[in-house]
Amino acid sequence: MEAYNSLKVLRNFLIKNQANYNFKVYDFDLNNLPKMKFDLVISLYSLDYHYDFEIYKSYLKKVCSDQTRLVFDTVRPDYFRKLFKKVEVISETKKRIHSSKRIICSEFAT
């Protein structure tokens, strides 16, 4: 199993980095995801980097408000400018085999 796809690795990362807040890690494949609105969704090197955003789009639309911020890595930030009203590139990686941009998005376009 790859590290980017390991919920155990994610939990350990959050604990080791002193995530001093309540958090819960959900497995998308178990179909038991929360239905509440989120303020922040973060998916580093996973959402749209290893897994196509379209898989999660309908769920995210349900749990995101206009104030929700989504932070994730992508190789195609221009695509997300069509899906969201606000998209900002907050960092860029060029030195790896797979170049990517970390973006922050908000407000799904209708």
N, C-alpha and C. Protein backbone atom coordinates (compact mmCIF):
# COMPACT_ATOMS: atom_id res chain seq x y z
N MET A 1 0.84 -1.17 0.00
CA MET A 1 0.00 0.00 0.00
C MET A 1 0.89 1.24 0.00
N GLU A 2 0.55 2.19 -0.82
CA GLU A 2 1.30 3.44 -0.92
C GLU A 2 1.02 4.32 0.30
N ALA A 3 2.01 5.11 0.68
CA ALA A 3 1.85 5.99 1.85
C ALA A 3 0.74 7.00 1.63
N TYR A 4 0.59 7.51 0.41
CA TYR A 4 -0.44 8.50 0.17
C TYR A 4 -1.84 7.91 0.25
N ASN A 5 -1.93 6.60 0.27
CA ASN A 5 -3.22 5.92 0.31
C ASN A 5 -3.43 5.17 1.62
N SER A 6 -2.65 5.49 2.63
CA SER A 6 -2.72 4.78 3.89
C SER A 6 -3.35 5.66 4.96
N LEU A 7 -4.51 5.27 5.45
CA LEU A 7 -5.16 6.04 6.51
C LEU A 7 -4.38 5.94 7.81
N LYS A 8 -3.70 4.82 8.02
CA LYS A 8 -2.87 4.67 9.21
C LYS A 8 -1.70 5.66 9.17
N VAL A 9 -1.08 5.81 8.03
CA VAL A 9 0.02 6.78 7.89
C VAL A 9 -0.51 8.20 8.13
N LEU A 10 -1.68 8.50 7.62
CA LEU A 10 -2.28 9.82 7.82
C LEU A 10 -2.53 10.08 9.31
N ARG A 11 -3.14 9.13 10.00
CA ARG A 11 -3.40 9.31 11.43
C ARG A 11 -2.09 9.56 12.19
N ASN A 12 -1.07 8.75 11.90
CA ASN A 12 0.22 8.91 12.57
C ASN A 12 0.85 10.26 12.25
N PHE A 13 0.72 10.72 11.03
CA PHE A 13 1.25 12.03 10.64
C PHE A 13 0.58 13.14 11.46
N LEU A 14 -0.74 13.09 11.57
CA LEU A 14 -1.47 14.11 12.32
C LEU A 14 -1.07 14.10 13.78
N ILE A 15 -0.93 12.94 14.37
CA ILE A 15 -0.55 12.82 15.77
C ILE A 15 0.88 13.33 15.99
N LYS A 16 1.80 12.90 15.14
CA LYS A 16 3.20 13.32 15.28
C LYS A 16 3.40 14.81 15.05
N ASN A 17 2.51 15.40 14.27
CA ASN A 17 2.61 16.84 14.01
C ASN A 17 1.69 17.64 14.91
N GLN A 18 1.34 17.03 16.03
CA GLN A 18 0.61 17.69 17.10
C GLN A 18 -0.69 18.33 16.63
N ALA A 19 -1.46 17.56 15.93
CA ALA A 19 -2.79 18.03 15.52
C ALA A 19 -3.64 18.13 16.78
N ASN A 20 -3.62 19.28 17.41
CA ASN A 20 -4.27 19.48 18.71
C ASN A 20 -5.74 19.84 18.56
N TYR A 21 -6.43 19.09 17.78
CA TYR A 21 -7.85 19.29 17.58
C TYR A 21 -8.46 17.93 17.29
N ASN A 22 -9.74 17.85 17.42
CA ASN A 22 -10.40 16.59 17.09
C ASN A 22 -10.40 16.39 15.59
N PHE A 23 -10.00 15.24 15.17
CA PHE A 23 -10.06 14.93 13.75
C PHE A 23 -10.55 13.50 13.60
N LYS A 24 -11.14 13.27 12.46
CA LYS A 24 -11.59 11.93 12.14
C LYS A 24 -11.20 11.66 10.70
N VAL A 25 -10.65 10.50 10.47
CA VAL A 25 -10.23 10.10 9.13
C VAL A 25 -11.28 9.15 8.58
N TYR A 26 -11.76 9.44 7.37
CA TYR A 26 -12.80 8.63 6.75
C TYR A 26 -12.25 7.91 5.52
N ASP A 27 -12.73 6.72 5.33
CA ASP A 27 -12.38 5.94 4.14
C ASP A 27 -13.50 6.12 3.12
N PHE A 28 -13.20 6.81 2.04
CA PHE A 28 -14.20 7.11 1.01
C PHE A 28 -14.85 5.84 0.47
N ASP A 29 -14.09 4.77 0.38
CA ASP A 29 -14.60 3.52 -0.19
C ASP A 29 -15.62 2.82 0.70
N LEU A 30 -15.69 3.16 1.98
CA LEU A 30 -16.64 2.50 2.88
C LEU A 30 -18.03 3.12 2.81
N ASN A 31 -18.16 4.22 2.10
CA ASN A 31 -19.45 4.87 1.89
C ASN A 31 -20.14 5.25 3.21
N ASN A 32 -19.34 5.69 4.18
CA ASN A 32 -19.90 6.13 5.46
C ASN A 32 -19.44 7.56 5.78
N LEU A 33 -19.37 8.37 4.77
CA LEU A 33 -18.84 9.72 4.92
C LEU A 33 -19.84 10.64 5.62
N PRO A 34 -19.34 11.61 6.34
CA PRO A 34 -20.24 12.54 7.04
C PRO A 34 -21.01 13.40 6.05
N LYS A 35 -22.15 13.88 6.50
CA LYS A 35 -22.99 14.71 5.65
C LYS A 35 -22.99 16.17 6.09
N MET A 36 -22.21 16.48 7.12
CA MET A 36 -22.15 17.86 7.61
C MET A 36 -21.31 18.73 6.68
N LYS A 37 -21.46 20.03 6.82
CA LYS A 37 -20.66 20.97 6.03
C LYS A 37 -19.29 21.12 6.67
N PHE A 38 -18.27 21.25 5.84
CA PHE A 38 -16.90 21.41 6.32
C PHE A 38 -16.42 22.83 6.07
N ASP A 39 -15.56 23.31 6.96
CA ASP A 39 -14.91 24.61 6.77
C ASP A 39 -13.66 24.46 5.90
N LEU A 40 -13.00 23.31 6.05
CA LEU A 40 -11.72 23.09 5.37
C LEU A 40 -11.60 21.63 4.98
N VAL A 41 -11.18 21.39 3.74
CA VAL A 41 -10.89 20.05 3.25
C VAL A 41 -9.47 20.10 2.69
N ILE A 42 -8.61 19.21 3.19
CA ILE A 42 -7.22 19.16 2.73
C ILE A 42 -6.92 17.76 2.23
N SER A 43 -6.35 17.69 1.05
CA SER A 43 -5.96 16.40 0.48
C SER A 43 -4.65 16.61 -0.26
N LEU A 44 -3.55 16.27 0.37
CA LEU A 44 -2.25 16.51 -0.22
C LEU A 44 -1.76 15.26 -0.96
N TYR A 45 -1.39 15.44 -2.19
CA TYR A 45 -0.90 14.37 -3.07
C TYR A 45 -1.87 13.21 -3.20
N SER A 46 -3.14 13.51 -3.18
CA SER A 46 -4.13 12.46 -3.36
C SER A 46 -5.25 12.94 -4.28
N LEU A 47 -6.14 13.78 -3.76
CA LEU A 47 -7.25 14.30 -4.55
C LEU A 47 -6.72 15.02 -5.78
N ASP A 48 -7.06 14.53 -6.93
CA ASP A 48 -6.65 15.01 -8.25
C ASP A 48 -5.17 14.84 -8.56
N TYR A 49 -4.40 14.35 -7.63
CA TYR A 49 -2.98 14.07 -7.92
C TYR A 49 -2.86 12.60 -8.28
N HIS A 50 -3.41 11.75 -7.46
CA HIS A 50 -3.43 10.31 -7.75
C HIS A 50 -4.82 9.81 -8.11
N TYR A 51 -5.84 10.56 -7.69
CA TYR A 51 -7.22 10.17 -7.94
C TYR A 51 -7.95 11.32 -8.61
N ASP A 52 -8.65 11.03 -9.66
CA ASP A 52 -9.36 12.05 -10.43
C ASP A 52 -10.40 12.76 -9.55
N PHE A 53 -10.39 14.07 -9.59
CA PHE A 53 -11.30 14.90 -8.82
C PHE A 53 -12.76 14.54 -9.08
N GLU A 54 -13.08 14.12 -10.28
CA GLU A 54 -14.47 13.81 -10.65
C GLU A 54 -15.07 12.73 -9.75
N ILE A 55 -14.26 11.85 -9.21
CA ILE A 55 -14.75 10.79 -8.32
C ILE A 55 -15.39 11.39 -7.07
N TYR A 56 -14.85 12.50 -6.60
CA TYR A 56 -15.26 13.10 -5.33
C TYR A 56 -16.12 14.35 -5.49
N LYS A 57 -16.26 14.84 -6.71
CA LYS A 57 -16.91 16.13 -6.95
C LYS A 57 -18.33 16.21 -6.39
N SER A 58 -19.17 15.25 -6.64
CA SER A 58 -20.56 15.34 -6.18
C SER A 58 -20.63 15.34 -4.65
N TYR A 59 -19.81 14.54 -4.00
CA TYR A 59 -19.79 14.53 -2.54
C TYR A 59 -19.31 15.89 -2.01
N LEU A 60 -18.25 16.41 -2.56
CA LEU A 60 -17.71 17.69 -2.10
C LEU A 60 -18.71 18.82 -2.28
N LYS A 61 -19.45 18.79 -3.36
CA LYS A 61 -20.48 19.81 -3.57
C LYS A 61 -21.52 19.79 -2.45
N LYS A 62 -21.82 18.60 -1.94
CA LYS A 62 -22.82 18.47 -0.87
C LYS A 62 -22.30 18.98 0.47
N VAL A 63 -21.00 18.83 0.73
CA VAL A 63 -20.47 19.14 2.07
C VAL A 63 -19.68 20.44 2.11
N CYS A 64 -19.66 21.18 1.02
CA CYS A 64 -18.94 22.45 0.99
C CYS A 64 -19.93 23.61 0.88
N SER A 65 -19.68 24.63 1.66
CA SER A 65 -20.45 25.87 1.54
C SER A 65 -19.58 26.86 0.76
N ASP A 66 -20.09 28.05 0.57
CA ASP A 66 -19.28 29.07 -0.12
C ASP A 66 -18.06 29.48 0.69
N GLN A 67 -18.09 29.23 2.01
CA GLN A 67 -16.96 29.58 2.87
C GLN A 67 -15.94 28.45 2.99
N THR A 68 -16.28 27.26 2.55
CA THR A 68 -15.36 26.13 2.63
C THR A 68 -14.14 26.36 1.75
N ARG A 69 -12.99 25.99 2.26
CA ARG A 69 -11.74 26.06 1.50
C ARG A 69 -11.27 24.64 1.24
N LEU A 70 -10.91 24.35 -0.01
CA LEU A 70 -10.34 23.07 -0.38
C LEU A 70 -8.89 23.29 -0.77
N VAL A 71 -8.00 22.54 -0.17
CA VAL A 71 -6.57 22.63 -0.46
C VAL A 71 -6.13 21.27 -0.97
N PHE A 72 -5.56 21.26 -2.17
CA PHE A 72 -5.10 19.99 -2.73
C PHE A 72 -4.07 20.24 -3.83
N ASP A 73 -3.42 19.16 -4.24
CA ASP A 73 -2.38 19.22 -5.26
C ASP A 73 -2.94 18.76 -6.60
N THR A 74 -2.49 19.42 -7.64
CA THR A 74 -2.97 19.08 -8.98
C THR A 74 -1.90 19.42 -10.01
N VAL A 75 -2.03 18.82 -11.16
CA VAL A 75 -1.17 19.18 -12.30
C VAL A 75 -1.95 20.03 -13.29
N ARG A 76 -3.22 20.33 -12.95
CA ARG A 76 -4.08 21.06 -13.88
C ARG A 76 -4.92 22.15 -13.19
N PRO A 77 -4.26 23.16 -12.67
CA PRO A 77 -5.02 24.20 -11.97
C PRO A 77 -6.01 24.94 -12.86
N ASP A 78 -5.74 25.06 -14.14
CA ASP A 78 -6.67 25.76 -15.03
C ASP A 78 -8.02 25.05 -15.12
N TYR A 79 -8.02 23.76 -15.02
CA TYR A 79 -9.26 22.99 -15.01
C TYR A 79 -10.16 23.43 -13.86
N PHE A 80 -9.56 23.69 -12.70
CA PHE A 80 -10.33 24.04 -11.51
C PHE A 80 -10.84 25.48 -11.55
N ARG A 81 -10.27 26.29 -12.38
CA ARG A 81 -10.78 27.65 -12.56
C ARG A 81 -12.15 27.62 -13.24
N LYS A 82 -12.48 26.50 -13.88
CA LYS A 82 -13.80 26.33 -14.49
C LYS A 82 -14.81 25.80 -13.47
N LEU A 83 -14.33 25.10 -12.44
CA LEU A 83 -15.21 24.48 -11.44
C LEU A 83 -15.47 25.36 -10.23
N PHE A 84 -14.53 26.27 -9.92
CA PHE A 84 -14.64 27.10 -8.73
C PHE A 84 -14.57 28.57 -9.09
N LYS A 85 -15.22 29.37 -8.29
CA LYS A 85 -15.17 30.82 -8.51
C LYS A 85 -13.83 31.40 -8.10
N LYS A 86 -13.19 30.80 -7.08
CA LYS A 86 -11.90 31.28 -6.59
C LYS A 86 -10.89 30.15 -6.57
N VAL A 87 -9.77 30.34 -7.24
CA VAL A 87 -8.68 29.37 -7.26
C VAL A 87 -7.38 30.15 -7.15
N GLU A 88 -6.56 29.74 -6.18
CA GLU A 88 -5.26 30.38 -6.01
C GLU A 88 -4.18 29.31 -5.89
N VAL A 89 -3.11 29.46 -6.65
CA VAL A 89 -1.95 28.57 -6.53
C VAL A 89 -1.16 29.06 -5.32
N ILE A 90 -0.98 28.20 -4.32
CA ILE A 90 -0.27 28.63 -3.11
C ILE A 90 1.15 28.08 -3.04
N SER A 91 1.47 27.08 -3.85
CA SER A 91 2.86 26.60 -3.97
C SER A 91 2.99 25.75 -5.22
N GLU A 92 4.23 25.57 -5.62
CA GLU A 92 4.50 24.81 -6.85
C GLU A 92 5.74 23.96 -6.66
N THR A 93 5.68 22.73 -7.13
CA THR A 93 6.82 21.81 -7.07
C THR A 93 7.26 21.51 -8.50
N LYS A 94 8.50 21.87 -8.80
CA LYS A 94 9.02 21.63 -10.14
C LYS A 94 10.17 20.63 -10.15
N LYS A 95 10.72 20.32 -9.00
CA LYS A 95 11.94 19.51 -8.94
C LYS A 95 11.70 18.01 -8.91
N ARG A 96 10.48 17.60 -8.91
CA ARG A 96 10.17 16.17 -8.85
C ARG A 96 9.85 15.63 -10.23
N ILE A 97 9.72 14.36 -10.29
CA ILE A 97 9.33 13.72 -11.55
C ILE A 97 7.98 14.25 -11.99
N HIS A 98 7.07 14.37 -11.03
CA HIS A 98 5.74 14.88 -11.31
C HIS A 98 5.62 16.28 -10.75
N SER A 99 5.69 17.26 -11.58
CA SER A 99 5.48 18.64 -11.14
C SER A 99 4.03 18.80 -10.72
N SER A 100 3.80 19.65 -9.74
CA SER A 100 2.44 19.88 -9.30
C SER A 100 2.31 21.26 -8.70
N LYS A 101 1.06 21.66 -8.52
CA LYS A 101 0.75 22.93 -7.88
C LYS A 101 -0.24 22.66 -6.77
N ARG A 102 0.01 23.26 -5.63
CA ARG A 102 -0.93 23.17 -4.52
C ARG A 102 -1.86 24.38 -4.66
N ILE A 103 -3.15 24.09 -4.66
CA ILE A 103 -4.12 25.17 -4.86
C ILE A 103 -5.10 25.21 -3.69
N ILE A 104 -5.70 26.38 -3.54
CA ILE A 104 -6.79 26.56 -2.59
C ILE A 104 -7.98 27.06 -3.39
N CYS A 105 -9.10 26.38 -3.23
CA CYS A 105 -10.30 26.69 -4.01
C CYS A 105 -11.46 26.98 -3.07
N SER A 106 -12.39 27.78 -3.55
CA SER A 106 -13.62 27.99 -2.82
C SER A 106 -14.74 28.36 -3.79
N GLU A 107 -15.95 28.15 -3.34
CA GLU A 107 -17.17 28.45 -4.07
C GLU A 107 -17.27 27.73 -5.41
N PHE A 108 -17.89 26.58 -5.37
CA PHE A 108 -18.15 25.86 -6.61
C PHE A 108 -18.93 26.76 -7.55
N ALA A 109 -18.55 26.77 -8.80
CA ALA A 109 -19.32 27.49 -9.83
C ALA A 109 -20.58 26.67 -10.10
N THR A 110 -21.66 27.31 -10.43
CA THR A 110 -22.90 26.57 -10.66
C THR A 110 -23.02 26.11 -12.09
